[in-house]
């Protein structure tokens, strides 16, 4: 089983990356609480469904700080049990995150009444620090567009499969 844990700052492109992984044939789950990760992996490893052989799990700031702090130890435990597990972490500059949230007009998941977006971004950076420090790959998306991020994820994730031949047939209507 190959497991990718995808985490990062809100607004850094996690949804784009998770959708790309899904396009690459990964079974994807977004916002899985870290406390359920072991049970989920145990279920998928025991399953005979080949659809679980490549799985990606999104973990983000909507989890508690106690749960987030357990992620590095969980990853180590999964690796020791024979799971091919890697952690990708997406970041972006504060200025870029502010711009992106301004464009989408979405609320930051850590925004509370009375706190501004800058404070929510700073709190999220602190909360996700344990995952950032344990990440196998950190990608700064500050200067990337959606297509660049998708291509980078594709290159990084599929690097082990270069020897496979892939054909795409497109039929144009007459």
C-alpha atoms as a PDB file:
ATOM      1  CA  UNK A   1       0.000   0.000   0.000  1.00  0.00           C
ATOM      2  CA  UNK A   2       1.189   3.495  -0.811  1.00  0.00           C
ATOM      3  CA  UNK A   3      -0.123   6.268   1.429  1.00  0.00           C
ATOM      4  CA  UNK A   4       0.377   9.980   0.889  1.00  0.00           C
ATOM      5  CA  UNK A   5      -0.508  12.306   3.725  1.00  0.00           C
ATOM      6  CA  UNK A   6      -1.188  15.753   2.325  1.00  0.00           C
ATOM      7  CA  UNK A   7      -1.209  18.722   4.650  1.00  0.00           C
ATOM      8  CA  UNK A   8      -0.466  22.407   4.568  1.00  0.00           C
ATOM      9  CA  UNK A   9      -1.758  25.876   5.092  1.00  0.00           C
ATOM     10  CA  UNK A  10      -5.294  26.795   4.117  1.00  0.00           C
ATOM     11  CA  UNK A  11      -5.149  28.517   0.756  1.00  0.00           C
ATOM     12  CA  UNK A  12      -1.869  26.882  -0.252  1.00  0.00           C
ATOM     13  CA  UNK A  13      -3.435  24.509  -2.791  1.00  0.00           C
ATOM     14  CA  UNK A  14      -4.250  21.361  -0.822  1.00  0.00           C
ATOM     15  CA  UNK A  15      -7.553  20.845  -2.654  1.00  0.00           C
ATOM     16  CA  UNK A  16      -5.826  21.220  -6.024  1.00  0.00           C
ATOM     17  CA  UNK A  17      -3.139  18.716  -4.990  1.00  0.00           C
ATOM     18  CA  UNK A  18      -5.673  16.237  -3.613  1.00  0.00           C
ATOM     19  CA  UNK A  19      -7.707  16.440  -6.827  1.00  0.00           C
ATOM     20  CA  UNK A  20      -4.541  15.801  -8.826  1.00  0.00           C
ATOM     21  CA  UNK A  21      -3.807  12.739  -6.723  1.00  0.00           C
ATOM     22  CA  UNK A  22      -7.337  11.543  -7.380  1.00  0.00           C
ATOM     23  CA  UNK A  23      -6.753  12.064 -11.112  1.00  0.00           C
ATOM     24  CA  UNK A  24      -3.626   9.902 -10.753  1.00  0.00           C
ATOM     25  CA  UNK A  25      -5.731   7.037  -9.429  1.00  0.00           C
ATOM     26  CA  UNK A  26      -5.369   7.567  -5.692  1.00  0.00           C
ATOM     27  CA  UNK A  27      -8.290   6.898  -3.366  1.00  0.00           C
ATOM     28  CA  UNK A  28      -8.564  10.290  -1.619  1.00  0.00           C
ATOM     29  CA  UNK A  29     -10.063  11.439   1.660  1.00  0.00           C
ATOM     30  CA  UNK A  30      -9.985  15.066   2.762  1.00  0.00           C
ATOM     31  CA  UNK A  31      -9.926  16.204   6.389  1.00  0.00           C
ATOM     32  CA  UNK A  32      -9.482  12.831   8.046  1.00  0.00           C
ATOM     33  CA  UNK A  33      -8.873  13.388  11.759  1.00  0.00           C
ATOM     34  CA  UNK A  34      -5.376  12.085  12.555  1.00  0.00           C
ATOM     35  CA  UNK A  35      -6.831   9.976  15.352  1.00  0.00           C
ATOM     36  CA  UNK A  36      -8.646   7.893  12.730  1.00  0.00           C
ATOM     37  CA  UNK A  37      -5.639   7.404  10.451  1.00  0.00           C
ATOM     38  CA  UNK A  38      -4.455   4.110  11.971  1.00  0.00           C
ATOM     39  CA  UNK A  39      -7.951   2.617  11.897  1.00  0.00           C
ATOM     40  CA  UNK A  40      -8.439   3.748   8.308  1.00  0.00           C
ATOM     41  CA  UNK A  41      -5.111   2.271   7.181  1.00  0.00           C
ATOM     42  CA  UNK A  42      -5.853  -0.950   9.048  1.00  0.00           C
ATOM     43  CA  UNK A  43      -9.194  -1.203   7.231  1.00  0.00           C
ATOM     44  CA  UNK A  44      -7.691  -0.540   3.804  1.00  0.00           C
ATOM     45  CA  UNK A  45      -4.742  -2.906   4.269  1.00  0.00           C
ATOM     46  CA  UNK A  46      -7.110  -5.731   5.227  1.00  0.00           C
ATOM     47  CA  UNK A  47      -9.357  -4.953   2.277  1.00  0.00           C
ATOM     48  CA  UNK A  48      -8.919  -6.947  -0.892  1.00  0.00           C
ATOM     49  CA  UNK A  49     -10.074  -3.924  -2.909  1.00  0.00           C
ATOM     50  CA  UNK A  50      -7.191  -2.872  -5.199  1.00  0.00           C
ATOM     51  CA  UNK A  51      -8.613   0.656  -5.159  1.00  0.00           C
ATOM     52  CA  UNK A  52      -6.966   1.207  -1.784  1.00  0.00           C
ATOM     53  CA  UNK A  53      -3.447   0.329  -2.955  1.00  0.00           C
ATOM     54  CA  UNK A  54      -2.763   4.026  -3.611  1.00  0.00           C
ATOM     55  CA  UNK A  55      -4.397   6.262  -1.027  1.00  0.00           C
ATOM     56  CA  UNK A  56      -4.061   9.943  -0.159  1.00  0.00           C
ATOM     57  CA  UNK A  57      -5.345  11.537   3.024  1.00  0.00           C
ATOM     58  CA  UNK A  58      -5.732  15.260   3.619  1.00  0.00           C
ATOM     59  CA  UNK A  59      -5.012  16.448   7.163  1.00  0.00           C
ATOM     60  CA  UNK A  60      -5.397  20.109   7.987  1.00  0.00           C
ATOM     61  CA  UNK A  61      -6.024  22.762  10.611  1.00  0.00           C
ATOM     62  CA  UNK A  62      -9.602  21.665  11.219  1.00  0.00           C
ATOM     63  CA  UNK A  63      -8.131  18.946  13.465  1.00  0.00           C
ATOM     64  CA  UNK A  64      -7.212  19.610  17.078  1.00  0.00           C
ATOM     65  CA  UNK A  65      -3.692  20.555  18.096  1.00  0.00           C
ATOM     66  CA  UNK A  66      -3.406  17.327  20.103  1.00  0.00           C
ATOM     67  CA  UNK A  67      -4.331  15.255  17.011  1.00  0.00           C
ATOM     68  CA  UNK A  68      -1.969  17.238  14.766  1.00  0.00           C
ATOM     69  CA  UNK A  69       0.919  16.687  17.181  1.00  0.00           C
ATOM     70  CA  UNK A  70       0.516  12.899  16.819  1.00  0.00           C
ATOM     71  CA  UNK A  71       1.000  12.865  13.024  1.00  0.00           C
ATOM     72  CA  UNK A  72       4.832  12.445  12.961  1.00  0.00           C
ATOM     73  CA  UNK A  73       4.664   9.467  15.333  1.00  0.00           C
ATOM     74  CA  UNK A  74       1.782   7.957  13.332  1.00  0.00           C
ATOM     75  CA  UNK A  75       3.772   8.244  10.112  1.00  0.00           C
ATOM     76  CA  UNK A  76       6.787   6.559  11.737  1.00  0.00           C
ATOM     77  CA  UNK A  77       4.582   3.756  13.050  1.00  0.00           C
ATOM     78  CA  UNK A  78       2.984   3.222   9.621  1.00  0.00           C
ATOM     79  CA  UNK A  79       6.418   3.054   7.979  1.00  0.00           C
ATOM     80  CA  UNK A  80       7.649   0.522  10.532  1.00  0.00           C
ATOM     81  CA  UNK A  81       4.603  -1.619   9.762  1.00  0.00           C
ATOM     82  CA  UNK A  82       5.580  -1.745   6.079  1.00  0.00           C
ATOM     83  CA  UNK A  83       3.311   0.953   4.667  1.00  0.00           C
ATOM     84  CA  UNK A  84       4.953   3.086   1.963  1.00  0.00           C
ATOM     85  CA  UNK A  85       4.017   6.393   3.584  1.00  0.00           C
ATOM     86  CA  UNK A  86       5.111   9.888   2.614  1.00  0.00           C
ATOM     87  CA  UNK A  87       4.044  13.330   3.783  1.00  0.00           C
ATOM     88  CA  UNK A  88       3.613  16.317   1.469  1.00  0.00           C
ATOM     89  CA  UNK A  89       3.194  19.766   2.994  1.00  0.00           C
ATOM     90  CA  UNK A  90       2.111  22.860   1.069  1.00  0.00           C
ATOM     91  CA  UNK A  91       3.003  26.384   2.180  1.00  0.00           C
ATOM     92  CA  UNK A  92       2.658  29.883   0.780  1.00  0.00           C
ATOM     93  CA  UNK A  93       3.715  33.328   1.928  1.00  0.00           C
ATOM     94  CA  UNK A  94       1.386  35.322   4.159  1.00  0.00           C
ATOM     95  CA  UNK A  95       1.001  37.945   1.430  1.00  0.00           C
ATOM     96  CA  UNK A  96      -0.064  35.290  -1.086  1.00  0.00           C
ATOM     97  CA  UNK A  97      -2.460  33.627   1.351  1.00  0.00           C
ATOM     98  CA  UNK A  98      -4.034  37.004   2.122  1.00  0.00           C
ATOM     99  CA  UNK A  99      -4.418  37.657  -1.610  1.00  0.00           C
ATOM    100  CA  UNK A 100      -5.962  34.227  -2.254  1.00  0.00           C
ATOM    101  CA  UNK A 101      -8.429  34.523   0.613  1.00  0.00           C
ATOM    102  CA  UNK A 102      -9.305  38.024  -0.605  1.00  0.00           C
ATOM    103  CA  UNK A 103     -10.062  36.678  -4.083  1.00  0.00           C
ATOM    104  CA  UNK A 104     -12.187  33.762  -2.926  1.00  0.00           C
ATOM    105  CA  UNK A 105     -13.815  35.605  -0.029  1.00  0.00           C
ATOM    106  CA  UNK A 106     -13.862  32.345   1.907  1.00  0.00           C
ATOM    107  CA  UNK A 107     -13.417  32.323   5.662  1.00  0.00           C
ATOM    108  CA  UNK A 108     -10.224  30.844   7.049  1.00  0.00           C
ATOM    109  CA  UNK A 109     -10.961  27.660   9.051  1.00  0.00           C
ATOM    110  CA  UNK A 110      -9.342  29.163  12.153  1.00  0.00           C
ATOM    111  CA  UNK A 111     -11.062  32.543  11.907  1.00  0.00           C
ATOM    112  CA  UNK A 112     -12.902  33.364  15.064  1.00  0.00           C
ATOM    113  CA  UNK A 113     -15.005  36.370  15.853  1.00  0.00           C
ATOM    114  CA  UNK A 114     -12.743  39.292  16.545  1.00  0.00           C
ATOM    115  CA  UNK A 115      -9.645  37.699  15.005  1.00  0.00           C
ATOM    116  CA  UNK A 116      -8.394  38.777  11.643  1.00  0.00           C
ATOM    117  CA  UNK A 117      -7.122  36.714   8.756  1.00  0.00           C
ATOM    118  CA  UNK A 118      -3.469  37.438   9.606  1.00  0.00           C
ATOM    119  CA  UNK A 119      -3.949  36.057  13.114  1.00  0.00           C
ATOM    120  CA  UNK A 120      -5.711  32.945  11.761  1.00  0.00           C
ATOM    121  CA  UNK A 121      -2.846  32.288   9.324  1.00  0.00           C
ATOM    122  CA  UNK A 122      -0.268  32.709  12.120  1.00  0.00           C
ATOM    123  CA  UNK A 123      -2.228  30.349  14.394  1.00  0.00           C
ATOM    124  CA  UNK A 124      -2.433  27.766  11.612  1.00  0.00           C
ATOM    125  CA  UNK A 125       1.319  27.937  10.987  1.00  0.00           C
ATOM    126  CA  UNK A 126       1.920  27.211  14.675  1.00  0.00           C
ATOM    127  CA  UNK A 127      -0.683  24.431  14.789  1.00  0.00           C
ATOM    128  CA  UNK A 128       0.696  22.597  11.753  1.00  0.00           C
ATOM    129  CA  UNK A 129       4.378  22.941  12.702  1.00  0.00           C
ATOM    130  CA  UNK A 130       4.769  19.281  13.792  1.00  0.00           C
ATOM    131  CA  UNK A 131       3.548  18.060  10.393  1.00  0.00           C
ATOM    132  CA  UNK A 132       5.712  20.581   8.528  1.00  0.00           C
ATOM    133  CA  UNK A 133       8.852  19.435  10.339  1.00  0.00           C
ATOM    134  CA  UNK A 134       8.083  15.770   9.633  1.00  0.00           C
ATOM    135  CA  UNK A 135       7.239  16.297   5.945  1.00  0.00           C
ATOM    136  CA  UNK A 136       9.145  14.421   3.255  1.00  0.00           C
ATOM    137  CA  UNK A 137       8.438  17.163   0.734  1.00  0.00           C
ATOM    138  CA  UNK A 138       7.536  20.813   1.366  1.00  0.00           C
ATOM    139  CA  UNK A 139       6.221  22.748  -1.622  1.00  0.00           C
ATOM    140  CA  UNK A 140       5.996  26.537  -1.571  1.00  0.00           C
ATOM    141  CA  UNK A 141       3.088  27.446  -3.838  1.00  0.00           C
ATOM    142  CA  UNK A 142       3.464  31.228  -3.473  1.00  0.00           C
ATOM    143  CA  UNK A 143       4.588  31.698  -7.076  1.00  0.00           C
ATOM    144  CA  UNK A 144       2.601  28.822  -8.595  1.00  0.00           C
ATOM    145  CA  UNK A 145      -0.600  28.730 -10.489  1.00  0.00           C
ATOM    146  CA  UNK A 146      -3.044  25.844 -10.337  1.00  0.00           C
ATOM    147  CA  UNK A 147      -1.633  24.154 -13.440  1.00  0.00           C
ATOM    148  CA  UNK A 148       1.961  24.419 -12.209  1.00  0.00           C
ATOM    149  CA  UNK A 149       1.017  22.856  -8.885  1.00  0.00           C
ATOM    150  CA  UNK A 150      -0.861  20.029 -10.593  1.00  0.00           C
ATOM    151  CA  UNK A 151       2.144  19.324 -12.831  1.00  0.00           C
ATOM    152  CA  UNK A 152       4.583  19.385  -9.902  1.00  0.00           C
ATOM    153  CA  UNK A 153       2.425  16.972  -7.900  1.00  0.00           C
ATOM    154  CA  UNK A 154       2.182  14.719 -10.947  1.00  0.00           C
ATOM    155  CA  UNK A 155       5.972  14.713 -11.446  1.00  0.00           C
ATOM    156  CA  UNK A 156       6.797  14.130  -7.770  1.00  0.00           C
ATOM    157  CA  UNK A 157       4.239  11.420  -7.139  1.00  0.00           C
ATOM    158  CA  UNK A 158       4.709   9.509 -10.361  1.00  0.00           C
ATOM    159  CA  UNK A 159       8.526   9.649 -10.383  1.00  0.00           C
ATOM    160  CA  UNK A 160       8.676   5.973  -9.368  1.00  0.00           C
ATOM    161  CA  UNK A 161       6.512   4.907 -12.265  1.00  0.00           C
ATOM    162  CA  UNK A 162       8.466   6.411 -15.163  1.00  0.00           C
ATOM    163  CA  UNK A 163       9.177   3.021 -16.703  1.00  0.00           C
ATOM    164  CA  UNK A 164       5.467   2.436 -17.332  1.00  0.00           C
ATOM    165  CA  UNK A 165       4.087   3.254 -20.736  1.00  0.00           C
ATOM    166  CA  UNK A 166       1.013   5.443 -20.721  1.00  0.00           C
ATOM    167  CA  UNK A 167      -1.134   6.066 -23.784  1.00  0.00           C
ATOM    168  CA  UNK A 168      -3.956   8.561 -24.135  1.00  0.00           C
ATOM    169  CA  UNK A 169      -6.325   8.244 -27.083  1.00  0.00           C
ATOM    170  CA  UNK A 170      -8.517  11.160 -27.969  1.00  0.00           C
ATOM    171  CA  UNK A 171     -11.185  10.774 -30.602  1.00  0.00           C
ATOM    172  CA  UNK A 172     -12.372  13.881 -32.361  1.00  0.00           C
ATOM    173  CA  UNK A 173     -15.969  13.919 -33.526  1.00  0.00           C
ATOM    174  CA  UNK A 174     -16.306  13.550 -37.327  1.00  0.00           C
END
